[in-house]
């Protein structure tokens, strides 16, 4: 089921929330309507965690995760990290990542099996993605855009891509990402 919601006066819900099949992280500071939309639909099934990441309210842009793990940027405080560890399922591995491209949600898109990442992501970060999220990692772009997490959203069943993605790119993505 889909539910309409907005964070304050912004329609960019994916900036202020991060959702997997195992958990949801929502930004602090939203209205009760914003939180109730998530909690009424999701809380019976998965934890809905209210959090800041590095003092920001944009978990959808700075975090990336799947049922195996959650990657957070190096700006995540110890208190924020502990809050996430206390709130998320025990089998979700949480890792702080030291990466120059710190908006991980913009630079990485994944499901439970594969990840597509910004071509300039550090090799060490690629290894962390493989280890924590337990996925095969590919480097690439979507419709010429290297911010793959902004221009593609992905589940285990399929994905949604930028409208200027060519048919050839979509076919390649389908094969590469196994969807």
C-alpha atoms as a PDB file:
ATOM      1  CA  UNK A   1       0.000   0.000   0.000  1.00  0.00           C
ATOM      2  CA  UNK A   2       1.157   3.543  -0.697  1.00  0.00           C
ATOM      3  CA  UNK A   3       0.448   6.492   1.573  1.00  0.00           C
ATOM      4  CA  UNK A   4       0.904  10.182   0.810  1.00  0.00           C
ATOM      5  CA  UNK A   5       3.053  12.215   3.163  1.00  0.00           C
ATOM      6  CA  UNK A   6       5.367  15.220   3.253  1.00  0.00           C
ATOM      7  CA  UNK A   7       8.175  16.301   5.570  1.00  0.00           C
ATOM      8  CA  UNK A   8       7.417  19.824   6.733  1.00  0.00           C
ATOM      9  CA  UNK A   9       6.786  21.562   3.378  1.00  0.00           C
ATOM     10  CA  UNK A  10       8.871  19.186   1.265  1.00  0.00           C
ATOM     11  CA  UNK A  11       7.503  16.447  -0.983  1.00  0.00           C
ATOM     12  CA  UNK A  12      10.937  14.790  -1.180  1.00  0.00           C
ATOM     13  CA  UNK A  13      10.048  11.990   1.213  1.00  0.00           C
ATOM     14  CA  UNK A  14      13.059   9.887   0.139  1.00  0.00           C
ATOM     15  CA  UNK A  15      15.427  12.531   1.492  1.00  0.00           C
ATOM     16  CA  UNK A  16      13.918  12.407   4.979  1.00  0.00           C
ATOM     17  CA  UNK A  17      13.372   8.651   5.229  1.00  0.00           C
ATOM     18  CA  UNK A  18      15.262   5.482   4.352  1.00  0.00           C
ATOM     19  CA  UNK A  19      13.317   2.256   3.923  1.00  0.00           C
ATOM     20  CA  UNK A  20      14.353  -1.384   3.571  1.00  0.00           C
ATOM     21  CA  UNK A  21      12.380  -4.611   3.979  1.00  0.00           C
ATOM     22  CA  UNK A  22      13.800  -4.923   7.518  1.00  0.00           C
ATOM     23  CA  UNK A  23      13.719  -1.394   8.957  1.00  0.00           C
ATOM     24  CA  UNK A  24      12.913   2.254   8.312  1.00  0.00           C
ATOM     25  CA  UNK A  25      14.826   5.332   9.454  1.00  0.00           C
ATOM     26  CA  UNK A  26      12.960   8.638   9.540  1.00  0.00           C
ATOM     27  CA  UNK A  27      14.300  12.110  10.277  1.00  0.00           C
ATOM     28  CA  UNK A  28      13.646  13.812  13.574  1.00  0.00           C
ATOM     29  CA  UNK A  29      11.676  17.040  13.517  1.00  0.00           C
ATOM     30  CA  UNK A  30       8.829  16.119  11.204  1.00  0.00           C
ATOM     31  CA  UNK A  31       5.151  16.623  11.868  1.00  0.00           C
ATOM     32  CA  UNK A  32       2.973  14.005  13.527  1.00  0.00           C
ATOM     33  CA  UNK A  33       1.341  13.388  10.135  1.00  0.00           C
ATOM     34  CA  UNK A  34       4.739  12.474   8.677  1.00  0.00           C
ATOM     35  CA  UNK A  35       5.510  10.004  11.457  1.00  0.00           C
ATOM     36  CA  UNK A  36       2.024   8.534  11.607  1.00  0.00           C
ATOM     37  CA  UNK A  37       2.157   7.748   7.875  1.00  0.00           C
ATOM     38  CA  UNK A  38       5.227   5.562   8.458  1.00  0.00           C
ATOM     39  CA  UNK A  39       4.199   4.086  11.767  1.00  0.00           C
ATOM     40  CA  UNK A  40       0.650   3.146  10.792  1.00  0.00           C
ATOM     41  CA  UNK A  41       1.821   1.317   7.670  1.00  0.00           C
ATOM     42  CA  UNK A  42       5.208  -0.045   8.705  1.00  0.00           C
ATOM     43  CA  UNK A  43       5.497  -0.383  12.491  1.00  0.00           C
ATOM     44  CA  UNK A  44       3.380  -3.554  12.639  1.00  0.00           C
ATOM     45  CA  UNK A  45       5.977  -5.174  10.344  1.00  0.00           C
ATOM     46  CA  UNK A  46       9.375  -3.491  10.833  1.00  0.00           C
ATOM     47  CA  UNK A  47      11.001  -1.036  13.257  1.00  0.00           C
ATOM     48  CA  UNK A  48      10.555   2.652  12.428  1.00  0.00           C
ATOM     49  CA  UNK A  49      13.517   4.500  13.931  1.00  0.00           C
ATOM     50  CA  UNK A  50      13.477   8.278  14.479  1.00  0.00           C
ATOM     51  CA  UNK A  51      17.064   9.489  14.113  1.00  0.00           C
ATOM     52  CA  UNK A  52      19.506  12.125  13.019  1.00  0.00           C
ATOM     53  CA  UNK A  53      22.685  11.219  11.161  1.00  0.00           C
ATOM     54  CA  UNK A  54      25.602  13.546  11.799  1.00  0.00           C
ATOM     55  CA  UNK A  55      23.115  16.039  13.202  1.00  0.00           C
ATOM     56  CA  UNK A  56      21.255  16.135   9.875  1.00  0.00           C
ATOM     57  CA  UNK A  57      17.659  15.240   9.121  1.00  0.00           C
ATOM     58  CA  UNK A  58      18.330  13.587   5.755  1.00  0.00           C
ATOM     59  CA  UNK A  59      18.878   9.857   6.373  1.00  0.00           C
ATOM     60  CA  UNK A  60      17.723   9.003   2.854  1.00  0.00           C
ATOM     61  CA  UNK A  61      20.638  10.935   1.355  1.00  0.00           C
ATOM     62  CA  UNK A  62      23.416  10.042   3.773  1.00  0.00           C
ATOM     63  CA  UNK A  63      22.639   6.372   4.561  1.00  0.00           C
ATOM     64  CA  UNK A  64      22.255   3.234   2.497  1.00  0.00           C
ATOM     65  CA  UNK A  65      21.205  -0.209   3.612  1.00  0.00           C
ATOM     66  CA  UNK A  66      19.420  -3.474   3.057  1.00  0.00           C
ATOM     67  CA  UNK A  67      18.262  -6.406   5.186  1.00  0.00           C
ATOM     68  CA  UNK A  68      21.890  -7.310   5.957  1.00  0.00           C
ATOM     69  CA  UNK A  69      23.279  -3.961   7.012  1.00  0.00           C
ATOM     70  CA  UNK A  70      23.295  -0.198   7.213  1.00  0.00           C
ATOM     71  CA  UNK A  71      26.111   2.125   6.149  1.00  0.00           C
ATOM     72  CA  UNK A  72      26.299   5.563   7.736  1.00  0.00           C
ATOM     73  CA  UNK A  73      28.760   8.391   7.007  1.00  0.00           C
ATOM     74  CA  UNK A  74      31.730   9.209   9.217  1.00  0.00           C
ATOM     75  CA  UNK A  75      29.905  12.301  10.525  1.00  0.00           C
ATOM     76  CA  UNK A  76      27.545   9.990  12.454  1.00  0.00           C
ATOM     77  CA  UNK A  77      28.085  10.610  16.158  1.00  0.00           C
ATOM     78  CA  UNK A  78      28.712   7.845  18.686  1.00  0.00           C
ATOM     79  CA  UNK A  79      25.331   8.567  20.302  1.00  0.00           C
ATOM     80  CA  UNK A  80      23.534   8.342  16.943  1.00  0.00           C
ATOM     81  CA  UNK A  81      25.325   5.087  16.154  1.00  0.00           C
ATOM     82  CA  UNK A  82      24.380   3.608  19.531  1.00  0.00           C
ATOM     83  CA  UNK A  83      20.758   4.699  19.063  1.00  0.00           C
ATOM     84  CA  UNK A  84      20.640   2.896  15.698  1.00  0.00           C
ATOM     85  CA  UNK A  85      22.245  -0.238  17.176  1.00  0.00           C
ATOM     86  CA  UNK A  86      19.676  -0.280  19.981  1.00  0.00           C
ATOM     87  CA  UNK A  87      16.718   0.266  17.643  1.00  0.00           C
ATOM     88  CA  UNK A  88      17.489  -1.901  14.603  1.00  0.00           C
ATOM     89  CA  UNK A  89      17.191  -5.702  14.449  1.00  0.00           C
ATOM     90  CA  UNK A  90      20.235  -7.481  15.889  1.00  0.00           C
ATOM     91  CA  UNK A  91      21.072  -9.162  12.580  1.00  0.00           C
ATOM     92  CA  UNK A  92      21.501  -5.786  10.819  1.00  0.00           C
ATOM     93  CA  UNK A  93      25.215  -4.931  10.812  1.00  0.00           C
ATOM     94  CA  UNK A  94      25.851  -1.176  11.149  1.00  0.00           C
ATOM     95  CA  UNK A  95      29.079   0.357   9.876  1.00  0.00           C
ATOM     96  CA  UNK A  96      30.390   3.901   9.899  1.00  0.00           C
ATOM     97  CA  UNK A  97      32.138   4.663   6.580  1.00  0.00           C
ATOM     98  CA  UNK A  98      35.038   7.069   6.076  1.00  0.00           C
ATOM     99  CA  UNK A  99      34.356   8.217   2.508  1.00  0.00           C
ATOM    100  CA  UNK A 100      35.045  11.474   0.683  1.00  0.00           C
ATOM    101  CA  UNK A 101      31.650  11.108  -1.066  1.00  0.00           C
ATOM    102  CA  UNK A 102      29.800  11.131   2.246  1.00  0.00           C
ATOM    103  CA  UNK A 103      26.219  11.333   0.924  1.00  0.00           C
ATOM    104  CA  UNK A 104      26.120   7.542   0.718  1.00  0.00           C
ATOM    105  CA  UNK A 105      22.435   7.431  -0.239  1.00  0.00           C
ATOM    106  CA  UNK A 106      23.190   9.558  -3.303  1.00  0.00           C
ATOM    107  CA  UNK A 107      26.245   7.531  -4.336  1.00  0.00           C
ATOM    108  CA  UNK A 108      25.088   3.956  -3.674  1.00  0.00           C
ATOM    109  CA  UNK A 109      21.906   2.095  -4.573  1.00  0.00           C
ATOM    110  CA  UNK A 110      21.358  -1.525  -3.571  1.00  0.00           C
ATOM    111  CA  UNK A 111      18.964  -4.345  -2.949  1.00  0.00           C
ATOM    112  CA  UNK A 112      19.731  -7.491  -0.956  1.00  0.00           C
ATOM    113  CA  UNK A 113      21.978  -8.923  -3.684  1.00  0.00           C
ATOM    114  CA  UNK A 114      23.739  -6.211  -5.708  1.00  0.00           C
ATOM    115  CA  UNK A 115      24.825  -2.580  -5.465  1.00  0.00           C
ATOM    116  CA  UNK A 116      25.500   0.056  -8.101  1.00  0.00           C
ATOM    117  CA  UNK A 117      27.913   2.742  -6.925  1.00  0.00           C
ATOM    118  CA  UNK A 118      29.376   6.074  -8.011  1.00  0.00           C
ATOM    119  CA  UNK A 119      32.455   5.404 -10.205  1.00  0.00           C
ATOM    120  CA  UNK A 120      34.723   7.473  -7.920  1.00  0.00           C
ATOM    121  CA  UNK A 121      33.830   5.722  -4.654  1.00  0.00           C
ATOM    122  CA  UNK A 122      36.925   4.572  -2.730  1.00  0.00           C
ATOM    123  CA  UNK A 123      37.945   0.907  -3.168  1.00  0.00           C
ATOM    124  CA  UNK A 124      37.915   0.520   0.616  1.00  0.00           C
ATOM    125  CA  UNK A 125      34.286   1.673   0.659  1.00  0.00           C
ATOM    126  CA  UNK A 126      33.484  -0.881  -2.044  1.00  0.00           C
ATOM    127  CA  UNK A 127      34.916  -3.622   0.193  1.00  0.00           C
ATOM    128  CA  UNK A 128      32.842  -2.374   3.140  1.00  0.00           C
ATOM    129  CA  UNK A 129      29.706  -2.450   0.964  1.00  0.00           C
ATOM    130  CA  UNK A 130      30.466  -6.047  -0.036  1.00  0.00           C
ATOM    131  CA  UNK A 131      31.132  -7.092   3.564  1.00  0.00           C
ATOM    132  CA  UNK A 132      28.361  -5.267   5.440  1.00  0.00           C
ATOM    133  CA  UNK A 133      25.556  -5.320   2.873  1.00  0.00           C
ATOM    134  CA  UNK A 134      26.622  -8.741   1.505  1.00  0.00           C
ATOM    135  CA  UNK A 135      26.205  -7.659  -2.126  1.00  0.00           C
ATOM    136  CA  UNK A 136      28.135  -7.768  -5.362  1.00  0.00           C
ATOM    137  CA  UNK A 137      29.248  -4.219  -6.285  1.00  0.00           C
ATOM    138  CA  UNK A 138      29.238  -2.613  -9.731  1.00  0.00           C
ATOM    139  CA  UNK A 139      30.369   0.886 -10.679  1.00  0.00           C
ATOM    140  CA  UNK A 140      28.330   2.938 -13.113  1.00  0.00           C
ATOM    141  CA  UNK A 141      25.998   5.793 -13.936  1.00  0.00           C
ATOM    142  CA  UNK A 142      22.306   6.230 -14.704  1.00  0.00           C
ATOM    143  CA  UNK A 143      21.438   8.278 -17.804  1.00  0.00           C
ATOM    144  CA  UNK A 144      24.908   9.833 -17.590  1.00  0.00           C
ATOM    145  CA  UNK A 145      24.489  10.722 -13.896  1.00  0.00           C
ATOM    146  CA  UNK A 146      27.002   9.322 -11.400  1.00  0.00           C
ATOM    147  CA  UNK A 147      24.732   9.942  -8.386  1.00  0.00           C
ATOM    148  CA  UNK A 148      23.177   6.518  -8.866  1.00  0.00           C
ATOM    149  CA  UNK A 149      21.241   6.597  -5.586  1.00  0.00           C
ATOM    150  CA  UNK A 150      19.438   9.722  -6.760  1.00  0.00           C
ATOM    151  CA  UNK A 151      18.529   8.441 -10.216  1.00  0.00           C
ATOM    152  CA  UNK A 152      17.664   4.816  -9.409  1.00  0.00           C
ATOM    153  CA  UNK A 153      15.682   3.131  -6.680  1.00  0.00           C
ATOM    154  CA  UNK A 154      15.934  -0.613  -6.372  1.00  0.00           C
ATOM    155  CA  UNK A 155      14.235  -3.583  -4.705  1.00  0.00           C
ATOM    156  CA  UNK A 156      14.757  -7.314  -5.113  1.00  0.00           C
ATOM    157  CA  UNK A 157      11.931  -7.325  -7.681  1.00  0.00           C
ATOM    158  CA  UNK A 158      12.882  -4.347  -9.852  1.00  0.00           C
ATOM    159  CA  UNK A 159      13.755  -0.686  -9.971  1.00  0.00           C
ATOM    160  CA  UNK A 160      12.720   2.773 -11.083  1.00  0.00           C
ATOM    161  CA  UNK A 161      15.156   4.810 -13.179  1.00  0.00           C
ATOM    162  CA  UNK A 162      15.619   8.342 -14.449  1.00  0.00           C
ATOM    163  CA  UNK A 163      13.250   9.065 -17.377  1.00  0.00           C
ATOM    164  CA  UNK A 164      16.172   9.734 -19.747  1.00  0.00           C
ATOM    165  CA  UNK A 165      17.662   6.277 -19.223  1.00  0.00           C
ATOM    166  CA  UNK A 166      17.921   4.575 -22.610  1.00  0.00           C
ATOM    167  CA  UNK A 167      16.376   1.179 -23.345  1.00  0.00           C
ATOM    168  CA  UNK A 168      19.886  -0.224 -23.781  1.00  0.00           C
ATOM    169  CA  UNK A 169      20.930   1.110 -20.352  1.00  0.00           C
ATOM    170  CA  UNK A 170      17.774  -0.343 -18.793  1.00  0.00           C
ATOM    171  CA  UNK A 171      18.477  -3.764 -20.328  1.00  0.00           C
ATOM    172  CA  UNK A 172      22.072  -3.615 -19.100  1.00  0.00           C
ATOM    173  CA  UNK A 173      20.903  -2.591 -15.615  1.00  0.00           C
ATOM    174  CA  UNK A 174      18.370  -5.429 -15.532  1.00  0.00           C
ATOM    175  CA  UNK A 175      21.085  -7.972 -16.310  1.00  0.00           C
ATOM    176  CA  UNK A 176      23.683  -6.378 -14.056  1.00  0.00           C
ATOM    177  CA  UNK A 177      21.350  -5.921 -11.088  1.00  0.00           C
ATOM    178  CA  UNK A 178      19.537  -9.224 -11.574  1.00  0.00           C
ATOM    179  CA  UNK A 179      16.076  -7.632 -11.690  1.00  0.00           C
END
